[in-house]
Structures are given as C-alpha cells and as structure tokens.
Amino acid sequence: MISEDTSQILSSGDMDYSEQITNFCTQGKYKEAMKLFQESEQKGVSLHKSAYFKLMDGLLKRQKSISKASLSD
C-alpha cells in the first residue's frame, strides 16, 4: 500500500529510493519512509547506508516521543 504522496514521487522517476526515504524522514513522514523501505526490500533494491541511518534515527526519535507522551498520561 502506497499513499498518494509516495506514488506521485515514485512515478516521477527522478529520485531513487534512498533519497526518497531520506526526504520523508527529514519531513517527519516516517510511515511513508517505512513503506518505501519495505517496498525497496521486496524489489531487492539496495539502499545507501545514509538512508538506513536516517530511517533508524527518525524511528528512534519517534519512539522516544511516543514513550514520553504515554508516560505523561
């Protein structure tokens, strides 16, 4: 399942998966980045290591904010 945002970027064909994942993470769109990551794995696309780092960093930050929010409830 790819959202409208993701499908538009993929159809343009002017950016590779690594750049797209990095851009989504920079925008805080971690769900979109994760969808692209999963799709790239299914297609056997190799990502640049910076995309992995950016995705992991973003997901960790997101998890920390979720954990802090649940503790304050």
PDB file of N, CA and C in Angstrom:
ATOM      1  N   MET A   1       0.829  -1.185   0.000  1.00  0.00           N
ATOM      2  CA  MET A   1       0.000   0.000   0.000  1.00  0.00           C
ATOM      3  C   MET A   1       0.872   1.246   0.000  1.00  0.00           C
ATOM      4  N   ILE A   2       0.735   2.026  -1.024  1.00  0.00           N
ATOM      5  CA  ILE A   2       1.498   3.260  -1.139  1.00  0.00           C
ATOM      6  C   ILE A   2       0.530   4.424  -1.154  1.00  0.00           C
ATOM      7  N   SER A   3       0.831   5.434  -0.366  1.00  0.00           N
ATOM      8  CA  SER A   3      -0.053   6.587  -0.302  1.00  0.00           C
ATOM      9  C   SER A   3       0.074   7.421  -1.565  1.00  0.00           C
ATOM     10  N   GLU A   4      -0.804   8.381  -1.693  1.00  0.00           N
ATOM     11  CA  GLU A   4      -0.785   9.266  -2.854  1.00  0.00           C
ATOM     12  C   GLU A   4       0.534  10.028  -2.938  1.00  0.00           C
ATOM     13  N   ASP A   5       1.033  10.535  -1.794  1.00  0.00           N
ATOM     14  CA  ASP A   5       2.309  11.249  -1.777  1.00  0.00           C
ATOM     15  C   ASP A   5       3.428  10.381  -2.334  1.00  0.00           C
ATOM     16  N   THR A   6       3.482   9.146  -1.862  1.00  0.00           N
ATOM     17  CA  THR A   6       4.535   8.232  -2.267  1.00  0.00           C
ATOM     18  C   THR A   6       4.422   7.867  -3.726  1.00  0.00           C
ATOM     19  N   SER A   7       3.226   7.539  -4.196  1.00  0.00           N
ATOM     20  CA  SER A   7       3.066   7.108  -5.580  1.00  0.00           C
ATOM     21  C   SER A   7       3.409   8.225  -6.555  1.00  0.00           C
ATOM     22  N   GLN A   8       3.124   9.464  -6.200  1.00  0.00           N
ATOM     23  CA  GLN A   8       3.468  10.581  -7.076  1.00  0.00           C
ATOM     24  C   GLN A   8       4.979  10.716  -7.210  1.00  0.00           C
ATOM     25  N   ILE A   9       5.690  10.560  -6.124  1.00  0.00           N
ATOM     26  CA  ILE A   9       7.144  10.667  -6.178  1.00  0.00           C
ATOM     27  C   ILE A   9       7.729   9.500  -6.963  1.00  0.00           C
ATOM     28  N   LEU A  10       7.221   8.297  -6.727  1.00  0.00           N
ATOM     29  CA  LEU A  10       7.737   7.138  -7.435  1.00  0.00           C
ATOM     30  C   LEU A  10       7.497   7.235  -8.925  1.00  0.00           C
ATOM     31  N   SER A  11       6.340   7.740  -9.321  1.00  0.00           N
ATOM     32  CA  SER A  11       6.041   7.824 -10.744  1.00  0.00           C
ATOM     33  C   SER A  11       6.876   8.881 -11.454  1.00  0.00           C
ATOM     34  N   SER A  12       7.369   9.864 -10.721  1.00  0.00           N
ATOM     35  CA  SER A  12       8.187  10.893 -11.360  1.00  0.00           C
ATOM     36  C   SER A  12       9.516  10.315 -11.831  1.00  0.00           C
ATOM     37  N   GLY A  13      10.011   9.303 -11.133  1.00  0.00           N
ATOM     38  CA  GLY A  13      11.220   8.606 -11.541  1.00  0.00           C
ATOM     39  C   GLY A  13      12.504   9.406 -11.442  1.00  0.00           C
ATOM     40  N   ASP A  14      12.504  10.571 -10.824  1.00  0.00           N
ATOM     41  CA  ASP A  14      13.715  11.395 -10.800  1.00  0.00           C
ATOM     42  C   ASP A  14      14.500  11.289  -9.497  1.00  0.00           C
ATOM     43  N   MET A  15      14.054  10.468  -8.553  1.00  0.00           N
ATOM     44  CA  MET A  15      14.791  10.273  -7.305  1.00  0.00           C
ATOM     45  C   MET A  15      14.829   8.786  -7.003  1.00  0.00           C
ATOM     46  N   ASP A  16      15.888   8.296  -6.435  1.00  0.00           N
ATOM     47  CA  ASP A  16      15.933   6.887  -6.077  1.00  0.00           C
ATOM     48  C   ASP A  16      15.371   6.674  -4.670  1.00  0.00           C
ATOM     49  N   TYR A  17      15.221   5.416  -4.309  1.00  0.00           N
ATOM     50  CA  TYR A  17      14.620   5.080  -3.012  1.00  0.00           C
ATOM     51  C   TYR A  17      15.361   5.714  -1.844  1.00  0.00           C
ATOM     52  N   SER A  18      16.669   5.676  -1.858  1.00  0.00           N
ATOM     53  CA  SER A  18      17.437   6.229  -0.733  1.00  0.00           C
ATOM     54  C   SER A  18      17.133   7.706  -0.525  1.00  0.00           C
ATOM     55  N   GLU A  19      17.108   8.456  -1.602  1.00  0.00           N
ATOM     56  CA  GLU A  19      16.815   9.890  -1.489  1.00  0.00           C
ATOM     57  C   GLU A  19      15.387  10.109  -1.016  1.00  0.00           C
ATOM     58  N   GLN A  20      14.467   9.325  -1.510  1.00  0.00           N
ATOM     59  CA  GLN A  20      13.066   9.475  -1.126  1.00  0.00           C
ATOM     60  C   GLN A  20      12.877   9.177   0.355  1.00  0.00           C
ATOM     61  N   ILE A  21      13.500   8.098   0.818  1.00  0.00           N
ATOM     62  CA  ILE A  21      13.394   7.738   2.236  1.00  0.00           C
ATOM     63  C   ILE A  21      13.997   8.844   3.099  1.00  0.00           C
ATOM     64  N   THR A  22      15.156   9.336   2.714  1.00  0.00           N
ATOM     65  CA  THR A  22      15.807  10.418   3.455  1.00  0.00           C
ATOM     66  C   THR A  22      14.926  11.663   3.492  1.00  0.00           C
ATOM     67  N   ASN A  23      14.337  12.010   2.362  1.00  0.00           N
ATOM     68  CA  ASN A  23      13.464  13.186   2.307  1.00  0.00           C
ATOM     69  C   ASN A  23      12.237  13.018   3.201  1.00  0.00           C
ATOM     70  N   PHE A  24      11.610  11.853   3.165  1.00  0.00           N
ATOM     71  CA  PHE A  24      10.448  11.622   4.033  1.00  0.00           C
ATOM     72  C   PHE A  24      10.841  11.731   5.502  1.00  0.00           C
ATOM     73  N   CYS A  25      11.993  11.175   5.870  1.00  0.00           N
ATOM     74  CA  CYS A  25      12.440  11.261   7.263  1.00  0.00           C
ATOM     75  C   CYS A  25      12.698  12.705   7.670  1.00  0.00           C
ATOM     76  N   THR A  26      13.297  13.470   6.793  1.00  0.00           N
ATOM     77  CA  THR A  26      13.565  14.877   7.068  1.00  0.00           C
ATOM     78  C   THR A  26      12.265  15.637   7.309  1.00  0.00           C
ATOM     79  N   GLN A  27      11.210  15.238   6.597  1.00  0.00           N
ATOM     80  CA  GLN A  27       9.896  15.872   6.742  1.00  0.00           C
ATOM     81  C   GLN A  27       9.095  15.302   7.908  1.00  0.00           C
ATOM     82  N   GLY A  28       9.648  14.294   8.581  1.00  0.00           N
ATOM     83  CA  GLY A  28       8.938  13.670   9.689  1.00  0.00           C
ATOM     84  C   GLY A  28       7.880  12.679   9.248  1.00  0.00           C
ATOM     85  N   LYS A  29       7.919  12.254   8.003  1.00  0.00           N
ATOM     86  CA  LYS A  29       6.946  11.302   7.456  1.00  0.00           C
ATOM     87  C   LYS A  29       7.525   9.895   7.531  1.00  0.00           C
ATOM     88  N   TYR A  30       7.618   9.388   8.763  1.00  0.00           N
ATOM     89  CA  TYR A  30       8.288   8.105   8.978  1.00  0.00           C
ATOM     90  C   TYR A  30       7.475   6.920   8.476  1.00  0.00           C
ATOM     91  N   LYS A  31       6.158   7.030   8.516  1.00  0.00           N
ATOM     92  CA  LYS A  31       5.332   5.946   7.978  1.00  0.00           C
ATOM     93  C   LYS A  31       5.560   5.803   6.476  1.00  0.00           C
ATOM     94  N   GLU A  32       5.612   6.914   5.780  1.00  0.00           N
ATOM     95  CA  GLU A  32       5.864   6.898   4.334  1.00  0.00           C
ATOM     96  C   GLU A  32       7.256   6.336   4.048  1.00  0.00           C
ATOM     97  N   ALA A  33       8.235   6.771   4.838  1.00  0.00           N
ATOM     98  CA  ALA A  33       9.600   6.292   4.651  1.00  0.00           C
ATOM     99  C   ALA A  33       9.671   4.782   4.884  1.00  0.00           C
ATOM    100  N   MET A  34       8.963   4.312   5.885  1.00  0.00           N
ATOM    101  CA  MET A  34       8.966   2.879   6.180  1.00  0.00           C
ATOM    102  C   MET A  34       8.302   2.084   5.061  1.00  0.00           C
ATOM    103  N   LYS A  35       7.235   2.615   4.492  1.00  0.00           N
ATOM    104  CA  LYS A  35       6.581   1.946   3.360  1.00  0.00           C
ATOM    105  C   LYS A  35       7.539   1.817   2.181  1.00  0.00           C
ATOM    106  N   LEU A  36       8.266   2.887   1.900  1.00  0.00           N
ATOM    107  CA  LEU A  36       9.244   2.833   0.814  1.00  0.00           C
ATOM    108  C   LEU A  36      10.363   1.851   1.120  1.00  0.00           C
ATOM    109  N   PHE A  37      10.800   1.829   2.362  1.00  0.00           N
ATOM    110  CA  PHE A  37      11.829   0.883   2.777  1.00  0.00           C
ATOM    111  C   PHE A  37      11.358  -0.550   2.539  1.00  0.00           C
ATOM    112  N   GLN A  38      10.139  -0.856   2.957  1.00  0.00           N
ATOM    113  CA  GLN A  38       9.599  -2.200   2.767  1.00  0.00           C
ATOM    114  C   GLN A  38       9.468  -2.541   1.285  1.00  0.00           C
ATOM    115  N   GLU A  39       9.035  -1.580   0.507  1.00  0.00           N
ATOM    116  CA  GLU A  39       8.908  -1.802  -0.935  1.00  0.00           C
ATOM    117  C   GLU A  39      10.280  -2.050  -1.571  1.00  0.00           C
ATOM    118  N   SER A  40      11.270  -1.294  -1.153  1.00  0.00           N
ATOM    119  CA  SER A  40      12.612  -1.476  -1.714  1.00  0.00           C
ATOM    120  C   SER A  40      13.150  -2.860  -1.376  1.00  0.00           C
ATOM    121  N   GLU A  41      12.858  -3.344  -0.175  1.00  0.00           N
ATOM    122  CA  GLU A  41      13.284  -4.689   0.197  1.00  0.00           C
ATOM    123  C   GLU A  41      12.601  -5.747  -0.656  1.00  0.00           C
ATOM    124  N   GLN A  42      11.304  -5.568  -0.892  1.00  0.00           N
ATOM    125  CA  GLN A  42      10.563  -6.517  -1.714  1.00  0.00           C
ATOM    126  C   GLN A  42      11.107  -6.569  -3.138  1.00  0.00           C
ATOM    127  N   LYS A  43      11.536  -5.426  -3.643  1.00  0.00           N
ATOM    128  CA  LYS A  43      12.054  -5.359  -5.011  1.00  0.00           C
ATOM    129  C   LYS A  43      13.545  -5.682  -5.087  1.00  0.00           C
ATOM    130  N   GLY A  44      14.178  -5.866  -3.931  1.00  0.00           N
ATOM    131  CA  GLY A  44      15.601  -6.167  -3.913  1.00  0.00           C
ATOM    132  C   GLY A  44      16.485  -4.977  -4.219  1.00  0.00           C
ATOM    133  N   VAL A  45      15.980  -3.776  -3.941  1.00  0.00           N
ATOM    134  CA  VAL A  45      16.734  -2.547  -4.195  1.00  0.00           C
ATOM    135  C   VAL A  45      17.676  -2.291  -3.020  1.00  0.00           C
ATOM    136  N   SER A  46      18.934  -2.049  -3.321  1.00  0.00           N
ATOM    137  CA  SER A  46      19.913  -1.716  -2.285  1.00  0.00           C
ATOM    138  C   SER A  46      19.840  -0.231  -1.986  1.00  0.00           C
ATOM    139  N   LEU A  47      19.786   0.083  -0.712  1.00  0.00           N
ATOM    140  CA  LEU A  47      19.735   1.483  -0.288  1.00  0.00           C
ATOM    141  C   LEU A  47      21.117   1.953   0.127  1.00  0.00           C
ATOM    142  N   HIS A  48      21.330   3.243   0.017  1.00  0.00           N
ATOM    143  CA  HIS A  48      22.562   3.845   0.516  1.00  0.00           C
ATOM    144  C   HIS A  48      22.512   3.794   2.037  1.00  0.00           C
ATOM    145  N   LYS A  49      23.654   3.571   2.662  1.00  0.00           N
ATOM    146  CA  LYS A  49      23.670   3.428   4.121  1.00  0.00           C
ATOM    147  C   LYS A  49      23.123   4.655   4.835  1.00  0.00           C
ATOM    148  N   SER A  50      23.247   5.835   4.248  1.00  0.00           N
ATOM    149  CA  SER A  50      22.723   7.040   4.898  1.00  0.00           C
ATOM    150  C   SER A  50      21.201   6.972   5.032  1.00  0.00           C
ATOM    151  N   ALA A  51      20.523   6.314   4.098  1.00  0.00           N
ATOM    152  CA  ALA A  51      19.068   6.171   4.187  1.00  0.00           C
ATOM    153  C   ALA A  51      18.689   5.284   5.372  1.00  0.00           C
ATOM    154  N   TYR A  52      19.459   4.218   5.590  1.00  0.00           N
ATOM    155  CA  TYR A  52      19.217   3.353   6.747  1.00  0.00           C
ATOM    156  C   TYR A  52      19.408   4.131   8.045  1.00  0.00           C
ATOM    157  N   PHE A  53      20.499   4.882   8.120  1.00  0.00           N
ATOM    158  CA  PHE A  53      20.786   5.660   9.331  1.00  0.00           C
ATOM    159  C   PHE A  53      19.700   6.693   9.595  1.00  0.00           C
ATOM    160  N   LYS A  54      19.286   7.397   8.565  1.00  0.00           N
ATOM    161  CA  LYS A  54      18.257   8.432   8.704  1.00  0.00           C
ATOM    162  C   LYS A  54      16.936   7.807   9.164  1.00  0.00           C
ATOM    163  N   LEU A  55      16.578   6.669   8.575  1.00  0.00           N
ATOM    164  CA  LEU A  55      15.337   5.993   8.945  1.00  0.00           C
ATOM    165  C   LEU A  55      15.397   5.490  10.385  1.00  0.00           C
ATOM    166  N   MET A  56      16.492   4.851  10.762  1.00  0.00           N
ATOM    167  CA  MET A  56      16.623   4.356  12.139  1.00  0.00           C
ATOM    168  C   MET A  56      16.604   5.498  13.138  1.00  0.00           C
ATOM    169  N   ASP A  57      17.321   6.571  12.841  1.00  0.00           N
ATOM    170  CA  ASP A  57      17.362   7.725  13.733  1.00  0.00           C
ATOM    171  C   ASP A  57      15.965   8.319  13.910  1.00  0.00           C
ATOM    172  N   GLY A  58      15.257   8.478  12.811  1.00  0.00           N
ATOM    173  CA  GLY A  58      13.908   9.034  12.869  1.00  0.00           C
ATOM    174  C   GLY A  58      12.944   8.158  13.638  1.00  0.00           C
ATOM    175  N   LEU A  59      13.022   6.850  13.407  1.00  0.00           N
ATOM    176  CA  LEU A  59      12.123   5.939  14.109  1.00  0.00           C
ATOM    177  C   LEU A  59      12.429   5.902  15.602  1.00  0.00           C
ATOM    178  N   LEU A  60      13.707   5.986  15.960  1.00  0.00           N
ATOM    179  CA  LEU A  60      14.068   6.034  17.384  1.00  0.00           C
ATOM    180  C   LEU A  60      13.555   7.307  18.046  1.00  0.00           C
ATOM    181  N   LYS A  61      13.707   8.436  17.370  1.00  0.00           N
ATOM    182  CA  LYS A  61      13.200   9.703  17.911  1.00  0.00           C
ATOM    183  C   LYS A  61      11.687   9.641  18.071  1.00  0.00           C
ATOM    184  N   ARG A  62      11.023   9.082  17.073  1.00  0.00           N
ATOM    185  CA  ARG A  62       9.561   8.964  17.122  1.00  0.00           C
ATOM    186  C   ARG A  62       9.146   8.076  18.293  1.00  0.00           C
ATOM    187  N   GLN A  63       9.830   6.953  18.477  1.00  0.00           N
ATOM    188  CA  GLN A  63       9.511   6.035  19.568  1.00  0.00           C
ATOM    189  C   GLN A  63       9.719   6.705  20.915  1.00  0.00           C
ATOM    190  N   LYS A  64      10.806   7.474  21.040  1.00  0.00           N
ATOM    191  CA  LYS A  64      11.069   8.177  22.299  1.00  0.00           C
ATOM    192  C   LYS A  64       9.965   9.178  22.606  1.00  0.00           C
ATOM    193  N   SER A  65       9.493   9.900  21.587  1.00  0.00           N
ATOM    194  CA  SER A  65       8.431  10.883  21.821  1.00  0.00           C
ATOM    195  C   SER A  65       7.129  10.204  22.174  1.00  0.00           C
ATOM    196  N   ILE A  66       6.865   9.051  21.561  1.00  0.00           N
ATOM    197  CA  ILE A  66       5.657   8.287  21.887  1.00  0.00           C
ATOM    198  C   ILE A  66       5.725   7.775  23.320  1.00  0.00           C
ATOM    199  N   SER A  67       6.907   7.277  23.702  1.00  0.00           N
ATOM    200  CA  SER A  67       7.088   6.767  25.063  1.00  0.00           C
ATOM    201  C   SER A  67       6.926   7.859  26.095  1.00  0.00           C
ATOM    202  N   LYS A  68       7.485   9.034  25.827  1.00  0.00           N
ATOM    203  CA  LYS A  68       7.350  10.153  26.760  1.00  0.00           C
ATOM    204  C   LYS A  68       5.893  10.584  26.882  1.00  0.00           C
ATOM    205  N   ALA A  69       5.172  10.603  25.765  1.00  0.00           N
ATOM    206  CA  ALA A  69       3.774  11.001  25.783  1.00  0.00           C
ATOM    207  C   ALA A  69       2.932  10.011  26.592  1.00  0.00           C
ATOM    208  N   SER A  70       3.213   8.728  26.451  1.00  0.00           N
ATOM    209  CA  SER A  70       2.433   7.727  27.181  1.00  0.00           C
ATOM    210  C   SER A  70       2.752   7.750  28.668  1.00  0.00           C
ATOM    211  N   LEU A  71       3.973   8.130  29.039  1.00  0.00           N
ATOM    212  CA  LEU A  71       4.319   8.235  30.449  1.00  0.00           C
ATOM    213  C   LEU A  71       3.657   9.417  31.132  1.00  0.00           C
ATOM    214  N   SER A  72       3.393  10.472  30.380  1.00  0.00           N
ATOM    215  CA  SER A  72       2.791  11.669  30.969  1.00  0.00           C
ATOM    216  C   SER A  72       1.264  11.580  31.044  1.00  0.00           C
ATOM    217  N   ASP A  73       0.691  10.526  30.455  1.00  0.00           N
ATOM    218  CA  ASP A  73      -0.783  10.367  30.521  1.00  0.00           C
ATOM    219  C   ASP A  73      -1.269   9.919  31.867  1.00  0.00           C
TER     220      ASP A  73
END
